[in-house]
Amino acid sequence: MLKNLPSPPFKLASKSAEELVLLLSSPIPKIYFEGHFPDLAILPGVTLLHWTYTLAEEHNFKCDESTIKNLKFMHIVEQHSALSLTLKKSGTTLKFIWQGGDQRYCSGILRLKEM
């Protein structure tokens, strides 16, 4: 299902060879919340992971989709949550952090593909 949905528009906040920060405008389009859940719409964690891989690849960080280390979901993401994604390259890994202000939503470490 996610592959059929386009990623919402992200704005580039900063970029270097080792780090990238992207911003997602609030509100997040309703289509990403459909069916999850009727009384309290929250963004599925798999959607954040899909956006992470997609955005990393769009910015030339090619990741191995079979490996995620230290994956943590700390808080739910609601439609009006302001989100930023930080990607930090370190050797053969790419650390990702989804946050909004001081609130962390999700983080983990991806393995970069060998080039």
Protein backbone atom coordinates (compact mmCIF):
# COMPACT_ATOMS: atom_id res chain seq x y z
CA MET A 1 0.00 0.00 0.00
CA LEU A 2 2.74 2.51 0.90
CA LYS A 3 4.50 2.12 -2.43
CA ASN A 4 1.34 3.43 -4.10
CA LEU A 5 1.28 6.56 -1.94
CA PRO A 6 3.55 9.45 -2.81
CA SER A 7 5.63 10.83 0.03
CA PRO A 8 4.35 14.13 1.38
CA PRO A 9 6.40 17.22 0.53
CA PHE A 10 9.51 17.72 2.64
CA LYS A 11 11.64 20.86 2.78
CA LEU A 12 15.41 20.74 3.02
CA ALA A 13 16.55 22.46 6.24
CA SER A 14 20.27 21.61 6.01
CA LYS A 15 22.58 19.28 4.12
CA SER A 16 26.22 18.25 4.24
CA ALA A 17 28.08 15.14 3.08
CA GLU A 18 27.43 13.47 6.46
CA GLU A 19 24.10 14.93 7.64
CA LEU A 20 20.72 15.85 6.24
CA VAL A 21 17.75 17.51 7.96
CA LEU A 22 14.32 17.55 6.30
CA LEU A 23 11.11 19.22 7.52
CA LEU A 24 7.54 18.01 6.97
CA SER A 25 4.87 20.67 7.08
CA SER A 26 1.94 20.18 9.41
CA PRO A 27 -0.75 18.96 9.03
CA ILE A 28 0.30 15.62 7.59
CA PRO A 29 -2.14 14.59 4.82
CA LYS A 30 -5.06 12.50 6.15
CA ILE A 31 -4.48 9.68 3.67
CA TYR A 32 -1.53 8.42 5.75
CA PHE A 33 -3.79 7.94 8.80
CA GLU A 34 -6.71 6.09 7.16
CA GLY A 35 -7.73 3.01 9.15
CA HIS A 36 -5.20 3.58 11.93
CA PHE A 37 -7.35 4.16 14.18
CA PRO A 38 -10.93 5.48 13.83
CA ASP A 39 -11.12 7.20 17.25
CA LEU A 40 -7.56 8.51 17.38
CA ALA A 41 -5.76 8.76 14.06
CA ILE A 42 -2.05 8.04 14.52
CA LEU A 43 0.63 7.63 11.88
CA PRO A 44 1.68 3.98 11.50
CA GLY A 45 5.32 3.36 12.39
CA VAL A 46 5.83 1.54 9.09
CA THR A 47 5.01 4.83 7.33
CA LEU A 48 7.86 6.60 9.14
CA LEU A 49 10.20 3.77 8.14
CA HIS A 50 9.04 3.93 4.53
CA TRP A 51 9.62 7.69 4.44
CA THR A 52 13.05 7.19 6.04
CA TYR A 53 14.22 4.75 3.37
CA THR A 54 12.65 6.76 0.53
CA LEU A 55 14.10 10.09 1.63
CA ALA A 56 17.53 8.58 2.36
CA GLU A 57 17.65 7.14 -1.16
CA GLU A 58 16.45 10.41 -2.73
CA HIS A 59 19.45 12.08 -1.07
CA ASN A 60 22.00 9.44 -2.15
CA PHE A 61 22.11 7.38 1.04
CA LYS A 62 21.50 3.84 -0.24
CA CYS A 63 20.43 1.63 2.67
CA ASP A 64 20.08 -2.10 3.13
CA GLU A 65 16.36 -2.57 3.81
CA SER A 66 16.90 -5.88 5.60
CA THR A 67 18.68 -4.39 8.62
CA ILE A 68 17.49 -1.88 11.22
CA LYS A 69 19.27 -1.62 14.57
CA ASN A 70 18.13 0.09 17.77
CA LEU A 71 14.67 0.86 16.35
CA LYS A 72 12.65 2.82 18.89
CA PHE A 73 9.19 4.35 18.70
CA MET A 74 8.90 6.81 21.59
CA HIS A 75 5.66 8.71 20.94
CA ILE A 76 2.69 8.58 18.61
CA VAL A 77 2.53 10.92 15.63
CA GLU A 78 -0.78 12.70 15.17
CA GLN A 79 -1.91 14.59 12.09
CA HIS A 80 -0.91 18.01 13.42
CA SER A 81 2.54 16.92 14.62
CA ALA A 82 5.41 18.95 13.16
CA LEU A 83 8.11 16.52 12.04
CA SER A 84 11.74 16.69 11.07
CA LEU A 85 13.95 13.87 9.89
CA THR A 86 17.67 13.93 10.63
CA LEU A 87 19.92 11.48 8.81
CA LYS A 88 23.55 11.19 10.03
CA LYS A 89 26.11 9.09 8.19
CA SER A 90 28.81 7.41 10.27
CA GLY A 91 31.04 4.93 8.48
CA THR A 92 28.79 2.18 7.10
CA THR A 93 25.68 3.23 9.03
CA LEU A 94 23.00 5.90 8.79
CA LYS A 95 21.35 7.05 12.01
CA PHE A 96 17.85 8.48 11.68
CA ILE A 97 15.80 10.53 14.12
CA TRP A 98 12.21 11.69 13.67
CA GLN A 99 11.37 14.54 16.01
CA GLY A 100 9.31 17.67 16.44
CA GLY A 101 10.90 20.34 18.58
CA ASP A 102 12.13 18.58 21.74
CA GLN A 103 9.82 15.58 21.18
CA ARG A 104 11.42 12.45 19.70
CA TYR A 105 9.07 10.12 17.85
CA CYS A 106 11.28 7.44 16.31
CA SER A 107 14.96 6.61 15.82
CA GLY A 108 17.18 3.83 14.59
CA ILE A 109 20.30 2.88 12.68
CA LEU A 110 20.35 1.63 9.09
CA ARG A 111 23.19 -0.13 7.31
CA LEU A 112 24.43 1.56 4.15
CA LYS A 113 24.84 -0.57 1.02
CA GLU A 114 28.37 -1.08 -0.18
CA MET A 115 29.10 0.86 -3.34
